[in-house]
């Protein structure tokens, strides 16, 4: 599972380089890595489904849930990154467009938070640290607030007729929305950890159960 997360981290780190340097070759390499993430997910899922959960202790059963939740989230993050890379290729690199300086700064800030949160989620998965799991949920709310603020900033730039913002408007809005979606998957890794520790508020628990069903 951690190898899967390492591949996702490589994809995540590479996104910013692709955007900044218009690097089509790197984009192609990173998109191919999603196949690796999918293969690892299939292998882990196959292995876990061969284990009889009835034979597991309560603690082992909880860990089984942690692992399957983690690998599902990593697989979904890989899929989103692949979509983002295709979008960047089609709407920025090939047409030869650029984000405004302010827009690029916002994307860079969100990206840095994503990388930090991904690394924190890997630590939470490994150690089951309740304090760090709670911090992940706090980061989910903080990231959502930033996404809203940056969407508003972008609209202001459009109103000011900032040419680069106009040219990349659709991509910019979609990109920060997709980054928020990635962050939600990263942070949802905290739910089973907090659930196991009895540290989820009732409404949070209900939300996490619904997320699992979805």
N, C-alpha and C. Protein backbone atom coordinates (compact mmCIF):
# COMPACT_ATOMS: atom_id res chain seq x y z
N UNK A 1 0.83 -1.20 0.00
CA UNK A 1 0.00 0.00 0.00
C UNK A 1 0.87 1.26 0.00
N UNK A 2 1.97 1.22 0.75
CA UNK A 2 2.85 2.40 0.80
C UNK A 2 3.58 2.58 -0.52
N UNK A 3 3.88 1.47 -1.21
CA UNK A 3 4.51 1.60 -2.53
C UNK A 3 3.55 2.31 -3.48
N UNK A 4 2.26 1.95 -3.39
CA UNK A 4 1.23 2.61 -4.18
C UNK A 4 1.21 4.11 -3.88
N UNK A 5 1.29 4.45 -2.59
CA UNK A 5 1.29 5.85 -2.18
C UNK A 5 2.54 6.57 -2.67
N UNK A 6 3.68 5.88 -2.70
CA UNK A 6 4.92 6.49 -3.21
C UNK A 6 4.78 6.86 -4.69
N UNK A 7 4.13 5.98 -5.45
CA UNK A 7 3.92 6.26 -6.88
C UNK A 7 2.99 7.47 -7.03
N UNK A 8 1.94 7.51 -6.21
CA UNK A 8 1.02 8.65 -6.23
C UNK A 8 1.76 9.94 -5.88
N UNK A 9 2.66 9.87 -4.90
CA UNK A 9 3.44 11.05 -4.51
C UNK A 9 4.31 11.53 -5.68
N UNK A 10 4.92 10.60 -6.41
CA UNK A 10 5.72 10.96 -7.59
C UNK A 10 4.86 11.68 -8.63
N UNK A 11 3.63 11.15 -8.84
CA UNK A 11 2.71 11.80 -9.77
C UNK A 11 2.35 13.20 -9.29
N UNK A 12 2.08 13.30 -7.99
CA UNK A 12 1.67 14.57 -7.39
C UNK A 12 2.79 15.62 -7.54
N UNK A 13 4.00 15.23 -7.20
CA UNK A 13 5.12 16.17 -7.29
C UNK A 13 5.33 16.63 -8.73
N UNK A 14 5.10 15.71 -9.67
CA UNK A 14 5.35 16.01 -11.07
C UNK A 14 4.36 16.97 -11.70
N UNK A 15 3.14 17.01 -11.16
CA UNK A 15 2.10 17.89 -11.73
C UNK A 15 2.61 19.33 -11.87
N UNK A 16 3.22 19.84 -10.79
CA UNK A 16 3.62 21.25 -10.78
C UNK A 16 4.71 21.51 -11.82
N UNK A 17 5.63 20.57 -11.96
CA UNK A 17 6.69 20.71 -12.97
C UNK A 17 6.09 20.75 -14.37
N UNK A 18 5.11 19.90 -14.61
CA UNK A 18 4.44 19.88 -15.92
C UNK A 18 3.80 21.24 -16.19
N UNK A 19 3.08 21.77 -15.18
CA UNK A 19 2.38 23.05 -15.35
C UNK A 19 3.37 24.20 -15.57
N UNK A 20 4.42 24.24 -14.76
CA UNK A 20 5.37 25.36 -14.83
C UNK A 20 6.23 25.32 -16.09
N UNK A 21 6.64 24.11 -16.49
CA UNK A 21 7.60 23.98 -17.60
C UNK A 21 6.96 23.54 -18.91
N UNK A 22 5.61 23.38 -18.91
CA UNK A 22 4.92 22.89 -20.12
C UNK A 22 5.57 21.60 -20.64
N UNK A 23 5.84 20.68 -19.73
CA UNK A 23 6.62 19.48 -20.03
C UNK A 23 5.72 18.33 -20.46
N UNK A 24 5.53 18.19 -21.77
CA UNK A 24 4.67 17.13 -22.31
C UNK A 24 5.25 15.74 -22.08
N UNK A 25 6.58 15.62 -22.17
CA UNK A 25 7.21 14.31 -21.98
C UNK A 25 7.00 13.81 -20.56
N UNK A 26 7.18 14.71 -19.58
CA UNK A 26 6.95 14.33 -18.18
C UNK A 26 5.48 14.00 -17.95
N UNK A 27 4.59 14.78 -18.55
CA UNK A 27 3.15 14.52 -18.41
C UNK A 27 2.83 13.10 -18.87
N UNK A 28 3.43 12.69 -19.99
CA UNK A 28 3.19 11.34 -20.53
C UNK A 28 3.72 10.28 -19.56
N UNK A 29 4.90 10.52 -19.00
CA UNK A 29 5.48 9.58 -18.02
C UNK A 29 4.59 9.44 -16.79
N UNK A 30 4.11 10.57 -16.29
CA UNK A 30 3.28 10.56 -15.09
C UNK A 30 1.95 9.87 -15.34
N UNK A 31 1.37 10.07 -16.51
CA UNK A 31 0.10 9.42 -16.84
C UNK A 31 0.27 7.91 -16.88
N UNK A 32 1.42 7.45 -17.35
CA UNK A 32 1.69 6.00 -17.38
C UNK A 32 1.79 5.43 -15.97
N UNK A 33 2.23 6.25 -15.03
CA UNK A 33 2.34 5.79 -13.64
C UNK A 33 0.98 5.43 -13.04
N UNK A 34 -0.10 6.03 -13.59
CA UNK A 34 -1.42 5.69 -13.07
C UNK A 34 -1.74 4.22 -13.32
N UNK A 35 -1.19 3.65 -14.40
CA UNK A 35 -1.37 2.21 -14.65
C UNK A 35 -0.73 1.40 -13.54
N UNK A 36 0.42 1.87 -13.05
CA UNK A 36 1.10 1.20 -11.93
C UNK A 36 0.25 1.27 -10.67
N UNK A 37 -0.31 2.45 -10.41
CA UNK A 37 -1.19 2.63 -9.23
C UNK A 37 -2.38 1.67 -9.32
N UNK A 38 -2.97 1.56 -10.50
CA UNK A 38 -4.13 0.67 -10.69
C UNK A 38 -3.74 -0.79 -10.49
N UNK A 39 -2.58 -1.18 -11.02
CA UNK A 39 -2.12 -2.58 -10.87
C UNK A 39 -1.88 -2.91 -9.40
N UNK A 40 -1.26 -1.98 -8.67
CA UNK A 40 -1.00 -2.20 -7.25
C UNK A 40 -2.32 -2.30 -6.47
N UNK A 41 -3.27 -1.45 -6.83
CA UNK A 41 -4.58 -1.49 -6.18
C UNK A 41 -5.24 -2.86 -6.39
N UNK A 42 -5.21 -3.34 -7.64
CA UNK A 42 -5.82 -4.64 -7.96
C UNK A 42 -5.15 -5.77 -7.19
N UNK A 43 -3.81 -5.70 -7.09
CA UNK A 43 -3.06 -6.75 -6.38
C UNK A 43 -3.39 -6.75 -4.89
N UNK A 44 -3.44 -5.55 -4.30
CA UNK A 44 -3.74 -5.43 -2.86
C UNK A 44 -5.18 -5.89 -2.59
N UNK A 45 -6.10 -5.46 -3.44
CA UNK A 45 -7.51 -5.83 -3.27
C UNK A 45 -7.68 -7.35 -3.38
N UNK A 46 -7.01 -7.95 -4.37
CA UNK A 46 -7.08 -9.41 -4.56
C UNK A 46 -6.57 -10.13 -3.31
N UNK A 47 -5.44 -9.66 -2.80
CA UNK A 47 -4.85 -10.28 -1.61
C UNK A 47 -5.79 -10.17 -0.41
N UNK A 48 -6.34 -8.98 -0.20
CA UNK A 48 -7.20 -8.75 0.96
C UNK A 48 -8.50 -9.54 0.89
N UNK A 49 -9.06 -9.68 -0.32
CA UNK A 49 -10.32 -10.41 -0.44
C UNK A 49 -10.12 -11.91 -0.25
N UNK A 50 -8.88 -12.38 -0.32
CA UNK A 50 -8.59 -13.80 -0.08
C UNK A 50 -8.50 -14.11 1.42
N UNK A 51 -8.42 -13.04 2.21
CA UNK A 51 -8.33 -13.23 3.67
C UNK A 51 -9.75 -13.36 4.24
N UNK A 52 -9.98 -14.41 5.00
CA UNK A 52 -11.28 -14.57 5.64
C UNK A 52 -11.38 -13.62 6.82
N UNK A 53 -12.29 -12.65 6.73
CA UNK A 53 -12.42 -11.65 7.79
C UNK A 53 -12.95 -12.28 9.08
N UNK A 54 -13.67 -13.40 8.93
CA UNK A 54 -14.18 -14.08 10.13
C UNK A 54 -13.05 -14.60 11.00
N UNK A 55 -11.91 -14.91 10.35
CA UNK A 55 -10.77 -15.45 11.09
C UNK A 55 -9.91 -14.36 11.73
N UNK A 56 -10.23 -13.10 11.45
CA UNK A 56 -9.42 -12.01 11.98
C UNK A 56 -9.91 -11.57 13.35
N UNK A 57 -8.98 -11.11 14.16
CA UNK A 57 -9.36 -10.50 15.43
C UNK A 57 -9.99 -9.14 15.14
N UNK A 58 -10.59 -8.52 16.15
CA UNK A 58 -11.22 -7.21 15.96
C UNK A 58 -10.20 -6.18 15.48
N UNK A 59 -9.01 -6.21 16.08
CA UNK A 59 -7.97 -5.25 15.69
C UNK A 59 -7.49 -5.52 14.27
N UNK A 60 -7.32 -6.80 13.90
CA UNK A 60 -6.89 -7.14 12.55
C UNK A 60 -7.96 -6.74 11.52
N UNK A 61 -9.23 -6.92 11.90
CA UNK A 61 -10.32 -6.54 11.02
C UNK A 61 -10.33 -5.03 10.77
N UNK A 62 -10.05 -4.26 11.83
CA UNK A 62 -9.98 -2.79 11.68
C UNK A 62 -8.84 -2.42 10.74
N UNK A 63 -7.72 -3.11 10.88
CA UNK A 63 -6.57 -2.82 10.02
C UNK A 63 -6.88 -3.17 8.57
N UNK A 64 -7.62 -4.26 8.36
CA UNK A 64 -8.05 -4.65 7.02
C UNK A 64 -8.83 -3.49 6.39
N UNK A 65 -9.73 -2.90 7.18
CA UNK A 65 -10.53 -1.76 6.70
C UNK A 65 -9.65 -0.56 6.39
N UNK A 66 -8.68 -0.30 7.28
CA UNK A 66 -7.74 0.82 7.05
C UNK A 66 -7.01 0.66 5.72
N UNK A 67 -6.53 -0.56 5.46
CA UNK A 67 -5.72 -0.82 4.27
C UNK A 67 -6.56 -0.67 3.01
N UNK A 68 -7.75 -1.26 3.01
CA UNK A 68 -8.58 -1.18 1.79
C UNK A 68 -9.02 0.25 1.54
N UNK A 69 -9.33 1.00 2.61
CA UNK A 69 -9.71 2.41 2.46
C UNK A 69 -8.55 3.22 1.89
N UNK A 70 -7.36 3.00 2.41
CA UNK A 70 -6.17 3.72 1.96
C UNK A 70 -5.90 3.46 0.48
N UNK A 71 -5.95 2.18 0.08
CA UNK A 71 -5.62 1.83 -1.31
C UNK A 71 -6.68 2.34 -2.29
N UNK A 72 -7.95 2.32 -1.88
CA UNK A 72 -9.01 2.87 -2.74
C UNK A 72 -8.78 4.36 -2.96
N UNK A 73 -8.47 5.08 -1.88
CA UNK A 73 -8.23 6.52 -2.00
C UNK A 73 -7.03 6.82 -2.87
N UNK A 74 -5.95 6.05 -2.74
CA UNK A 74 -4.77 6.27 -3.57
C UNK A 74 -5.08 6.02 -5.05
N UNK A 75 -5.88 4.98 -5.31
CA UNK A 75 -6.25 4.67 -6.69
C UNK A 75 -7.07 5.80 -7.29
N UNK A 76 -7.99 6.34 -6.51
CA UNK A 76 -8.83 7.43 -7.01
C UNK A 76 -8.02 8.72 -7.21
N UNK A 77 -7.05 8.97 -6.33
CA UNK A 77 -6.17 10.14 -6.51
C UNK A 77 -5.38 10.01 -7.81
N UNK A 78 -4.86 8.81 -8.07
CA UNK A 78 -4.12 8.57 -9.32
C UNK A 78 -4.97 8.88 -10.54
N UNK A 79 -6.24 8.47 -10.51
CA UNK A 79 -7.15 8.73 -11.63
C UNK A 79 -7.38 10.23 -11.82
N UNK A 80 -7.54 10.96 -10.71
CA UNK A 80 -7.76 12.41 -10.80
C UNK A 80 -6.52 13.10 -11.37
N UNK A 81 -5.34 12.69 -10.90
CA UNK A 81 -4.10 13.30 -11.41
C UNK A 81 -3.99 13.07 -12.91
N UNK A 82 -4.34 11.87 -13.37
CA UNK A 82 -4.28 11.60 -14.80
C UNK A 82 -5.21 12.55 -15.56
N UNK A 83 -6.42 12.76 -15.05
CA UNK A 83 -7.36 13.70 -15.68
C UNK A 83 -6.81 15.11 -15.72
N UNK A 84 -6.19 15.53 -14.60
CA UNK A 84 -5.60 16.88 -14.52
C UNK A 84 -4.51 17.05 -15.57
N UNK A 85 -3.67 16.04 -15.72
CA UNK A 85 -2.57 16.12 -16.68
C UNK A 85 -3.10 16.25 -18.11
N UNK A 86 -4.15 15.49 -18.43
CA UNK A 86 -4.75 15.58 -19.77
C UNK A 86 -5.31 16.98 -20.00
N UNK A 87 -5.98 17.52 -18.98
CA UNK A 87 -6.54 18.87 -19.07
C UNK A 87 -5.45 19.92 -19.29
N UNK A 88 -4.36 19.81 -18.53
CA UNK A 88 -3.25 20.76 -18.65
C UNK A 88 -2.64 20.69 -20.05
N UNK A 89 -2.48 19.47 -20.55
CA UNK A 89 -1.94 19.30 -21.91
C UNK A 89 -2.84 19.98 -22.94
N UNK A 90 -4.15 19.70 -22.84
CA UNK A 90 -5.09 20.16 -23.87
C UNK A 90 -5.42 21.65 -23.79
N UNK A 91 -5.45 22.19 -22.56
CA UNK A 91 -5.94 23.56 -22.39
C UNK A 91 -4.84 24.58 -22.08
N UNK A 92 -3.62 24.10 -21.80
CA UNK A 92 -2.54 25.04 -21.49
C UNK A 92 -1.33 24.85 -22.40
N UNK A 93 -0.79 23.62 -22.39
CA UNK A 93 0.49 23.40 -23.07
C UNK A 93 0.33 23.48 -24.60
N UNK A 94 -0.60 22.70 -25.14
CA UNK A 94 -0.75 22.65 -26.60
C UNK A 94 -1.20 23.98 -27.20
N UNK A 95 -2.14 24.70 -26.55
CA UNK A 95 -2.51 26.02 -27.10
C UNK A 95 -1.48 27.11 -26.79
N UNK A 96 -0.47 26.81 -25.96
CA UNK A 96 0.55 27.79 -25.62
C UNK A 96 0.08 28.89 -24.70
N UNK A 97 -0.78 28.55 -23.74
CA UNK A 97 -1.30 29.54 -22.80
C UNK A 97 -0.57 29.47 -21.47
N UNK A 98 -0.73 30.53 -20.68
CA UNK A 98 -0.12 30.57 -19.35
C UNK A 98 -1.10 31.10 -18.33
N UNK A 99 -0.93 30.66 -17.07
CA UNK A 99 -1.70 31.24 -15.98
C UNK A 99 -1.15 32.62 -15.66
N UNK A 100 -1.99 33.46 -15.07
CA UNK A 100 -1.49 34.75 -14.59
C UNK A 100 -0.51 34.46 -13.45
N UNK A 101 0.31 35.44 -13.14
CA UNK A 101 1.29 35.27 -12.05
C UNK A 101 0.58 34.96 -10.73
N UNK A 102 -0.51 35.68 -10.46
CA UNK A 102 -1.27 35.46 -9.22
C UNK A 102 -1.91 34.07 -9.23
N UNK A 103 -2.45 33.68 -10.38
CA UNK A 103 -3.08 32.36 -10.49
C UNK A 103 -2.09 31.24 -10.27
N UNK A 104 -0.90 31.39 -10.84
CA UNK A 104 0.14 30.38 -10.68
C UNK A 104 0.58 30.28 -9.22
N UNK A 105 0.64 31.42 -8.54
CA UNK A 105 1.02 31.44 -7.12
C UNK A 105 -0.01 30.68 -6.28
N UNK A 106 -1.28 30.85 -6.62
CA UNK A 106 -2.35 30.16 -5.90
C UNK A 106 -2.26 28.65 -6.11
N UNK A 107 -2.04 28.23 -7.35
CA UNK A 107 -1.92 26.81 -7.66
C UNK A 107 -0.71 26.21 -6.94
N UNK A 108 0.39 26.97 -6.91
CA UNK A 108 1.60 26.49 -6.23
C UNK A 108 1.35 26.30 -4.73
N UNK A 109 0.61 27.23 -4.13
CA UNK A 109 0.29 27.13 -2.70
C UNK A 109 -0.59 25.90 -2.42
N UNK A 110 -1.63 25.71 -3.23
CA UNK A 110 -2.51 24.55 -3.04
C UNK A 110 -1.73 23.25 -3.24
N UNK A 111 -0.87 23.24 -4.23
CA UNK A 111 -0.07 22.04 -4.51
C UNK A 111 0.84 21.69 -3.33
N UNK A 112 1.49 22.70 -2.75
CA UNK A 112 2.38 22.47 -1.61
C UNK A 112 1.60 21.87 -0.44
N UNK A 113 0.39 22.37 -0.20
CA UNK A 113 -0.45 21.83 0.87
C UNK A 113 -0.85 20.39 0.58
N UNK A 114 -1.14 20.10 -0.68
CA UNK A 114 -1.50 18.74 -1.07
C UNK A 114 -0.37 17.77 -0.78
N UNK A 115 0.84 18.13 -1.15
CA UNK A 115 1.99 17.26 -0.93
C UNK A 115 2.19 17.03 0.57
N UNK A 116 2.11 18.10 1.36
CA UNK A 116 2.24 17.97 2.82
C UNK A 116 1.16 17.06 3.40
N UNK A 117 -0.06 17.23 2.91
CA UNK A 117 -1.18 16.44 3.43
C UNK A 117 -1.06 14.97 3.02
N UNK A 118 -0.57 14.73 1.81
CA UNK A 118 -0.36 13.35 1.37
C UNK A 118 0.66 12.66 2.27
N UNK A 119 1.75 13.36 2.57
CA UNK A 119 2.78 12.77 3.44
C UNK A 119 2.23 12.55 4.85
N UNK A 120 1.41 13.48 5.33
CA UNK A 120 0.79 13.31 6.65
C UNK A 120 -0.15 12.11 6.64
N UNK A 121 -0.89 11.93 5.56
CA UNK A 121 -1.83 10.80 5.48
C UNK A 121 -1.09 9.47 5.47
N UNK A 122 0.09 9.43 4.84
CA UNK A 122 0.90 8.21 4.85
C UNK A 122 1.37 7.90 6.27
N UNK A 123 1.72 8.95 7.00
CA UNK A 123 2.14 8.78 8.40
C UNK A 123 0.97 8.29 9.25
N UNK A 124 -0.21 8.87 9.02
CA UNK A 124 -1.41 8.46 9.77
C UNK A 124 -1.73 6.99 9.49
N UNK A 125 -1.63 6.60 8.22
CA UNK A 125 -1.90 5.22 7.84
C UNK A 125 -0.92 4.26 8.52
N UNK A 126 0.34 4.66 8.57
CA UNK A 126 1.37 3.81 9.18
C UNK A 126 1.23 3.71 10.69
N UNK A 127 1.02 4.85 11.33
CA UNK A 127 1.11 4.92 12.80
C UNK A 127 -0.24 4.98 13.52
N UNK A 128 -1.30 5.28 12.77
CA UNK A 128 -2.61 5.38 13.40
C UNK A 128 -2.69 6.45 14.46
N UNK A 129 -1.89 7.53 14.29
CA UNK A 129 -1.83 8.59 15.29
C UNK A 129 -3.11 9.45 15.23
N UNK A 130 -3.86 9.44 16.33
CA UNK A 130 -5.15 10.15 16.38
C UNK A 130 -4.96 11.66 16.23
N UNK A 131 -3.93 12.22 16.86
CA UNK A 131 -3.68 13.66 16.77
C UNK A 131 -3.44 14.07 15.32
N UNK A 132 -2.62 13.28 14.59
CA UNK A 132 -2.33 13.58 13.19
C UNK A 132 -3.57 13.38 12.31
N UNK A 133 -4.39 12.38 12.67
CA UNK A 133 -5.63 12.13 11.92
C UNK A 133 -6.57 13.33 12.06
N UNK A 134 -6.66 13.87 13.27
CA UNK A 134 -7.49 15.07 13.48
C UNK A 134 -6.93 16.26 12.70
N UNK A 135 -5.62 16.36 12.65
CA UNK A 135 -4.98 17.45 11.90
C UNK A 135 -5.34 17.35 10.41
N UNK A 136 -5.40 16.12 9.90
CA UNK A 136 -5.79 15.91 8.50
C UNK A 136 -7.18 16.47 8.23
N UNK A 137 -8.12 16.21 9.14
CA UNK A 137 -9.48 16.72 8.96
C UNK A 137 -9.51 18.25 9.03
N UNK A 138 -8.66 18.83 9.88
CA UNK A 138 -8.55 20.29 9.94
C UNK A 138 -8.02 20.84 8.60
N UNK A 139 -7.08 20.11 8.02
CA UNK A 139 -6.50 20.53 6.73
C UNK A 139 -7.54 20.45 5.61
N UNK A 140 -8.47 19.50 5.74
CA UNK A 140 -9.54 19.40 4.74
C UNK A 140 -10.37 20.68 4.72
N UNK A 141 -10.74 21.17 5.91
CA UNK A 141 -11.53 22.41 6.02
C UNK A 141 -10.72 23.61 5.54
N UNK A 142 -9.44 23.66 5.90
CA UNK A 142 -8.58 24.79 5.51
C UNK A 142 -8.42 24.84 3.99
N UNK A 143 -8.24 23.67 3.39
CA UNK A 143 -8.06 23.60 1.94
C UNK A 143 -9.33 24.04 1.22
N UNK A 144 -10.49 23.64 1.74
CA UNK A 144 -11.77 24.03 1.15
C UNK A 144 -11.93 25.55 1.18
N UNK A 145 -11.55 26.16 2.31
CA UNK A 145 -11.64 27.62 2.44
C UNK A 145 -10.72 28.31 1.44
N UNK A 146 -9.51 27.78 1.28
CA UNK A 146 -8.57 28.35 0.32
C UNK A 146 -9.10 28.24 -1.11
N UNK A 147 -9.68 27.09 -1.44
CA UNK A 147 -10.22 26.88 -2.78
C UNK A 147 -11.31 27.91 -3.07
N UNK A 148 -12.18 28.16 -2.09
CA UNK A 148 -13.23 29.17 -2.27
C UNK A 148 -12.62 30.56 -2.47
N UNK A 149 -11.63 30.89 -1.65
CA UNK A 149 -10.99 32.21 -1.73
C UNK A 149 -10.31 32.40 -3.07
N UNK A 150 -9.62 31.38 -3.55
CA UNK A 150 -8.89 31.49 -4.82
C UNK A 150 -9.84 31.52 -6.01
N UNK A 151 -10.99 30.86 -5.90
CA UNK A 151 -12.00 30.94 -6.96
C UNK A 151 -12.51 32.38 -7.07
N UNK A 152 -12.73 33.01 -5.90
CA UNK A 152 -13.18 34.41 -5.91
C UNK A 152 -12.11 35.33 -6.49
N UNK A 153 -10.86 35.09 -6.11
CA UNK A 153 -9.75 35.91 -6.63
C UNK A 153 -9.67 35.82 -8.16
N UNK A 154 -9.88 34.61 -8.65
CA UNK A 154 -9.83 34.41 -10.10
C UNK A 154 -10.93 35.20 -10.80
N UNK A 155 -12.12 35.21 -10.22
CA UNK A 155 -13.23 35.96 -10.80
C UNK A 155 -12.93 37.46 -10.81
N UNK A 156 -12.25 37.95 -9.79
CA UNK A 156 -11.84 39.37 -9.74
C UNK A 156 -10.88 39.67 -10.90
N UNK A 157 -9.95 38.73 -11.13
CA UNK A 157 -9.00 38.93 -12.24
C UNK A 157 -9.72 38.94 -13.59
N UNK A 158 -10.75 38.10 -13.70
CA UNK A 158 -11.54 38.11 -14.94
C UNK A 158 -12.24 39.46 -15.12
N UNK A 159 -12.80 39.97 -14.03
CA UNK A 159 -13.49 41.27 -14.08
C UNK A 159 -12.53 42.39 -14.45
N UNK A 160 -11.25 42.22 -14.06
CA UNK A 160 -10.22 43.22 -14.38
C UNK A 160 -9.65 43.02 -15.78
N UNK A 161 -10.21 42.04 -16.51
CA UNK A 161 -9.75 41.75 -17.87
C UNK A 161 -8.28 41.35 -17.94
N UNK A 162 -7.82 40.59 -16.95
CA UNK A 162 -6.46 40.05 -17.01
C UNK A 162 -6.41 38.99 -18.10
N UNK A 163 -5.66 39.27 -19.18
CA UNK A 163 -5.73 38.43 -20.39
C UNK A 163 -5.38 36.97 -20.11
N UNK A 164 -4.30 36.74 -19.35
CA UNK A 164 -3.90 35.35 -19.09
C UNK A 164 -4.96 34.61 -18.28
N UNK A 165 -5.65 35.32 -17.40
CA UNK A 165 -6.72 34.71 -16.61
C UNK A 165 -7.90 34.34 -17.50
N UNK A 166 -8.20 35.20 -18.46
CA UNK A 166 -9.32 34.93 -19.38
C UNK A 166 -9.02 33.69 -20.22
N UNK A 167 -7.79 33.59 -20.72
CA UNK A 167 -7.41 32.49 -21.60
C UNK A 167 -7.42 31.14 -20.88
N UNK A 168 -7.11 31.15 -19.60
CA UNK A 168 -7.00 29.88 -18.86
C UNK A 168 -8.10 29.72 -17.81
N UNK A 169 -9.17 30.50 -17.94
CA UNK A 169 -10.18 30.53 -16.89
C UNK A 169 -10.79 29.16 -16.59
N UNK A 170 -11.23 28.47 -17.63
CA UNK A 170 -11.87 27.16 -17.45
C UNK A 170 -10.91 26.18 -16.79
N UNK A 171 -9.66 26.15 -17.28
CA UNK A 171 -8.67 25.25 -16.71
C UNK A 171 -8.37 25.60 -15.25
N UNK A 172 -8.24 26.89 -14.96
CA UNK A 172 -7.89 27.33 -13.60
C UNK A 172 -8.96 26.88 -12.60
N UNK A 173 -10.22 27.15 -12.92
CA UNK A 173 -11.32 26.78 -12.03
C UNK A 173 -11.40 25.26 -11.87
N UNK A 174 -11.28 24.53 -12.99
CA UNK A 174 -11.32 23.06 -12.92
C UNK A 174 -10.16 22.50 -12.13
N UNK A 175 -8.99 23.11 -12.31
CA UNK A 175 -7.78 22.61 -11.66
C UNK A 175 -7.87 22.74 -10.14
N UNK A 176 -8.27 23.91 -9.65
CA UNK A 176 -8.32 24.05 -8.19
C UNK A 176 -9.45 23.20 -7.59
N UNK A 177 -10.49 22.96 -8.39
CA UNK A 177 -11.56 22.06 -7.94
C UNK A 177 -11.05 20.63 -7.85
N UNK A 178 -10.27 20.21 -8.83
CA UNK A 178 -9.70 18.85 -8.82
C UNK A 178 -8.68 18.68 -7.70
N UNK A 179 -7.91 19.74 -7.42
CA UNK A 179 -6.95 19.67 -6.31
C UNK A 179 -7.69 19.51 -4.99
N UNK A 180 -8.83 20.19 -4.86
CA UNK A 180 -9.64 20.03 -3.64
C UNK A 180 -10.16 18.60 -3.54
N UNK A 181 -10.55 18.03 -4.67
CA UNK A 181 -11.05 16.65 -4.69
C UNK A 181 -9.94 15.68 -4.26
N UNK A 182 -8.74 15.91 -4.75
CA UNK A 182 -7.60 15.07 -4.34
C UNK A 182 -7.40 15.19 -2.83
N UNK A 183 -7.46 16.42 -2.33
CA UNK A 183 -7.26 16.64 -0.89
C UNK A 183 -8.32 15.92 -0.07
N UNK A 184 -9.55 15.90 -0.56
CA UNK A 184 -10.62 15.20 0.16
C UNK A 184 -10.33 13.72 0.27
N UNK A 185 -9.81 13.13 -0.80
CA UNK A 185 -9.43 11.71 -0.75
C UNK A 185 -8.27 11.49 0.23
N UNK A 186 -7.31 12.39 0.21
CA UNK A 186 -6.18 12.28 1.14
C UNK A 186 -6.68 12.32 2.58
N UNK A 187 -7.53 13.29 2.87
CA UNK A 187 -7.96 13.52 4.25
C UNK A 187 -8.94 12.47 4.74
N UNK A 188 -9.66 11.82 3.81
CA UNK A 188 -10.63 10.81 4.24
C UNK A 188 -9.95 9.59 4.84
N UNK A 189 -8.64 9.48 4.65
CA UNK A 189 -7.86 8.40 5.27
C UNK A 189 -7.93 8.50 6.80
N UNK A 190 -8.23 9.71 7.29
CA UNK A 190 -8.32 9.90 8.75
C UNK A 190 -9.56 9.24 9.34
N UNK A 191 -10.63 9.08 8.55
CA UNK A 191 -11.90 8.62 9.11
C UNK A 191 -11.84 7.25 9.77
N UNK A 192 -11.32 6.21 9.07
CA UNK A 192 -11.28 4.90 9.74
C UNK A 192 -10.37 4.88 10.97
N UNK A 193 -9.30 5.69 10.95
CA UNK A 193 -8.39 5.76 12.09
C UNK A 193 -9.13 6.35 13.30
N UNK A 194 -9.84 7.45 13.07
CA UNK A 194 -10.58 8.10 14.15
C UNK A 194 -11.78 7.26 14.59
N UNK A 195 -12.40 6.58 13.64
CA UNK A 195 -13.52 5.70 13.95
C UNK A 195 -13.05 4.59 14.90
N UNK A 196 -11.91 3.97 14.57
CA UNK A 196 -11.36 2.89 15.40
C UNK A 196 -11.04 3.38 16.81
N UNK A 197 -10.60 4.64 16.90
CA UNK A 197 -10.21 5.19 18.20
C UNK A 197 -11.40 5.77 18.95
N UNK A 198 -12.59 5.72 18.32
CA UNK A 198 -13.78 6.32 18.95
C UNK A 198 -13.68 7.82 19.05
N UNK A 199 -12.92 8.43 18.13
CA UNK A 199 -12.65 9.87 18.22
C UNK A 199 -13.43 10.69 17.21
N UNK A 200 -14.41 10.06 16.54
CA UNK A 200 -15.24 10.80 15.59
C UNK A 200 -16.51 11.27 16.28
N UNK A 201 -16.87 12.53 16.03
CA UNK A 201 -18.17 13.02 16.49
C UNK A 201 -19.25 12.27 15.73
N UNK A 202 -20.46 12.13 16.30
CA UNK A 202 -21.51 11.34 15.65
C UNK A 202 -21.80 11.76 14.21
N UNK A 203 -21.85 13.07 13.95
CA UNK A 203 -22.13 13.51 12.57
C UNK A 203 -20.98 13.18 11.64
N UNK A 204 -19.73 13.25 12.15
CA UNK A 204 -18.56 12.88 11.36
C UNK A 204 -18.61 11.39 11.03
N UNK A 205 -19.01 10.59 12.02
CA UNK A 205 -19.09 9.14 11.83
C UNK A 205 -20.10 8.83 10.73
N UNK A 206 -21.23 9.51 10.77
CA UNK A 206 -22.27 9.29 9.78
C UNK A 206 -21.76 9.68 8.39
N UNK A 207 -21.05 10.79 8.32
CA UNK A 207 -20.49 11.25 7.05
C UNK A 207 -19.51 10.23 6.50
N UNK A 208 -18.65 9.69 7.37
CA UNK A 208 -17.63 8.74 6.92
C UNK A 208 -18.28 7.46 6.43
N UNK A 209 -19.36 7.02 7.09
CA UNK A 209 -20.05 5.80 6.66
C UNK A 209 -20.66 6.02 5.28
N UNK A 210 -21.25 7.20 5.07
CA UNK A 210 -21.83 7.52 3.76
C UNK A 210 -20.75 7.57 2.69
N UNK A 211 -19.58 8.12 3.05
CA UNK A 211 -18.45 8.20 2.10
C UNK A 211 -18.02 6.79 1.72
N UNK A 212 -18.00 5.88 2.70
CA UNK A 212 -17.60 4.51 2.42
C UNK A 212 -18.59 3.86 1.46
N UNK A 213 -19.88 4.14 1.65
CA UNK A 213 -20.91 3.55 0.79
C UNK A 213 -20.82 4.09 -0.63
N UNK A 214 -20.43 5.43 -0.71
CA UNK A 214 -20.31 6.05 -2.04
C UNK A 214 -19.12 5.53 -2.78
